[in-house]
Amino acid sequence: MKKLQLNTLLPNITVGLISGVICISFELSFAALIFAGRLADHLSFGVGLVVFSVAIARLLIMLFSSCPQLVVGSGTAETAILA
């Protein structure tokens, strides 16, 4: 296992924060797309459900993947089918 060094830690944290913000904005828009129309009353529950499920998926990929630097999120095709 590699030691954490300050010169590599800051760029990794920066990239993680930026990709997290981008992915959360995608997840919020996907939840709004899925929970539209008759499901609009349950939008707050849908947002929580989508964000929680993606967080669990990211955690599992980070822990058990042979390539831990992957960025995981919902797919646009699956979201369009669910909507």
C-alpha atoms as a PDB file:
ATOM      1  CA  MET A   1       0.000   0.000   0.000  1.00  0.00           C
ATOM      2  CA  LYS A   2       1.300   3.426  -0.925  1.00  0.00           C
ATOM      3  CA  LYS A   3       1.949   6.088   1.657  1.00  0.00           C
ATOM      4  CA  LEU A   4      -0.093   9.235   1.353  1.00  0.00           C
ATOM      5  CA  GLN A   5       2.016  12.179   0.288  1.00  0.00           C
ATOM      6  CA  LEU A   6       0.944  15.797   0.499  1.00  0.00           C
ATOM      7  CA  ASN A   7       1.819  16.568  -3.117  1.00  0.00           C
ATOM      8  CA  THR A   8      -0.565  13.836  -4.369  1.00  0.00           C
ATOM      9  CA  LEU A   9      -3.230  14.209  -1.692  1.00  0.00           C
ATOM     10  CA  LEU A  10      -4.383  17.723  -2.620  1.00  0.00           C
ATOM     11  CA  PRO A  11      -4.998  16.988  -6.334  1.00  0.00           C
ATOM     12  CA  ASN A  12      -6.860  13.791  -5.439  1.00  0.00           C
ATOM     13  CA  ILE A  13      -9.107  15.593  -2.972  1.00  0.00           C
ATOM     14  CA  THR A  14      -9.768  18.355  -5.508  1.00  0.00           C
ATOM     15  CA  VAL A  15     -10.730  15.912  -8.249  1.00  0.00           C
ATOM     16  CA  GLY A  16     -12.904  13.958  -5.823  1.00  0.00           C
ATOM     17  CA  LEU A  17     -14.793  17.069  -4.737  1.00  0.00           C
ATOM     18  CA  ILE A  18     -15.313  18.304  -8.299  1.00  0.00           C
ATOM     19  CA  SER A  19     -16.534  14.928  -9.569  1.00  0.00           C
ATOM     20  CA  GLY A  20     -18.775  14.601  -6.505  1.00  0.00           C
ATOM     21  CA  VAL A  21     -20.442  17.959  -7.146  1.00  0.00           C
ATOM     22  CA  ILE A  22     -20.946  17.141 -10.832  1.00  0.00           C
ATOM     23  CA  CYS A  23     -22.359  13.691 -10.084  1.00  0.00           C
ATOM     24  CA  ILE A  24     -24.724  15.030  -7.418  1.00  0.00           C
ATOM     25  CA  SER A  25     -26.104  17.566  -9.889  1.00  0.00           C
ATOM     26  CA  PHE A  26     -26.676  14.734 -12.387  1.00  0.00           C
ATOM     27  CA  GLU A  27     -28.381  12.600  -9.733  1.00  0.00           C
ATOM     28  CA  LEU A  28     -30.671  15.476  -8.725  1.00  0.00           C
ATOM     29  CA  SER A  29     -31.706  16.055 -12.319  1.00  0.00           C
ATOM     30  CA  PHE A  30     -32.257  12.317 -12.857  1.00  0.00           C
ATOM     31  CA  ALA A  31     -34.449  12.145  -9.750  1.00  0.00           C
ATOM     32  CA  ALA A  32     -36.452  15.145 -10.980  1.00  0.00           C
ATOM     33  CA  LEU A  33     -36.880  13.429 -14.354  1.00  0.00           C
ATOM     34  CA  ILE A  34     -37.985  10.121 -12.845  1.00  0.00           C
ATOM     35  CA  PHE A  35     -40.284  11.651 -10.225  1.00  0.00           C
ATOM     36  CA  ALA A  36     -42.207  13.937 -12.569  1.00  0.00           C
ATOM     37  CA  GLY A  37     -45.877  13.888 -13.436  1.00  0.00           C
ATOM     38  CA  ARG A  38     -47.961  11.745 -11.085  1.00  0.00           C
ATOM     39  CA  LEU A  39     -44.912  11.014  -8.914  1.00  0.00           C
ATOM     40  CA  ALA A  40     -44.129  14.711  -8.351  1.00  0.00           C
ATOM     41  CA  ASP A  41     -45.591  14.542  -4.847  1.00  0.00           C
ATOM     42  CA  HIS A  42     -42.816  12.093  -3.901  1.00  0.00           C
ATOM     43  CA  LEU A  43     -39.914  14.090  -5.353  1.00  0.00           C
ATOM     44  CA  SER A  44     -38.216  14.708  -2.013  1.00  0.00           C
ATOM     45  CA  PHE A  45     -38.262  10.978  -1.257  1.00  0.00           C
ATOM     46  CA  GLY A  46     -36.992  10.238  -4.780  1.00  0.00           C
ATOM     47  CA  VAL A  47     -34.064  12.628  -4.455  1.00  0.00           C
ATOM     48  CA  GLY A  48     -33.036  11.025  -1.178  1.00  0.00           C
ATOM     49  CA  LEU A  49     -33.418   7.545  -2.636  1.00  0.00           C
ATOM     50  CA  VAL A  50     -31.315   8.314  -5.713  1.00  0.00           C
ATOM     51  CA  VAL A  51     -28.539  10.088  -3.799  1.00  0.00           C
ATOM     52  CA  PHE A  52     -28.404   7.335  -1.156  1.00  0.00           C
ATOM     53  CA  SER A  53     -28.308   4.513  -3.704  1.00  0.00           C
ATOM     54  CA  VAL A  54     -25.539   6.157  -5.716  1.00  0.00           C
ATOM     55  CA  ALA A  55     -23.559   6.775  -2.515  1.00  0.00           C
ATOM     56  CA  ILE A  56     -23.843   3.081  -1.608  1.00  0.00           C
ATOM     57  CA  ALA A  57     -22.815   2.063  -5.139  1.00  0.00           C
ATOM     58  CA  ARG A  58     -19.794   4.374  -4.998  1.00  0.00           C
ATOM     59  CA  LEU A  59     -18.775   2.996  -1.622  1.00  0.00           C
ATOM     60  CA  LEU A  60     -19.018  -0.609  -2.804  1.00  0.00           C
ATOM     61  CA  ILE A  61     -17.045   0.130  -5.980  1.00  0.00           C
ATOM     62  CA  MET A  62     -14.391   1.938  -3.967  1.00  0.00           C
ATOM     63  CA  LEU A  63     -14.028  -0.932  -1.496  1.00  0.00           C
ATOM     64  CA  PHE A  64     -14.248  -3.976  -3.761  1.00  0.00           C
ATOM     65  CA  SER A  65     -13.071  -2.875  -7.198  1.00  0.00           C
ATOM     66  CA  SER A  66      -9.661  -3.713  -8.569  1.00  0.00           C
ATOM     67  CA  CYS A  67      -9.666  -0.192 -10.045  1.00  0.00           C
ATOM     68  CA  PRO A  68     -10.655   2.065  -7.104  1.00  0.00           C
ATOM     69  CA  GLN A  69     -10.269   5.344  -9.012  1.00  0.00           C
ATOM     70  CA  LEU A  70     -13.481   4.718 -10.991  1.00  0.00           C
ATOM     71  CA  VAL A  71     -16.269   7.281 -10.844  1.00  0.00           C
ATOM     72  CA  VAL A  72     -19.680   5.647 -10.475  1.00  0.00           C
ATOM     73  CA  GLY A  73     -23.050   7.196 -11.155  1.00  0.00           C
ATOM     74  CA  SER A  74     -26.438   6.582 -12.701  1.00  0.00           C
ATOM     75  CA  GLY A  75     -26.636   5.971 -16.409  1.00  0.00           C
ATOM     76  CA  THR A  76     -28.604   8.248 -18.676  1.00  0.00           C
ATOM     77  CA  ALA A  77     -30.143   5.366 -20.618  1.00  0.00           C
ATOM     78  CA  GLU A  78     -31.471   3.703 -17.486  1.00  0.00           C
ATOM     79  CA  THR A  79     -32.856   6.990 -16.244  1.00  0.00           C
ATOM     80  CA  ALA A  80     -34.678   7.613 -19.509  1.00  0.00           C
ATOM     81  CA  ILE A  81     -36.224   4.141 -19.344  1.00  0.00           C
ATOM     82  CA  LEU A  82     -37.354   4.665 -15.735  1.00  0.00           C
ATOM     83  CA  ALA A  83     -38.867   8.051 -16.568  1.00  0.00           C
END
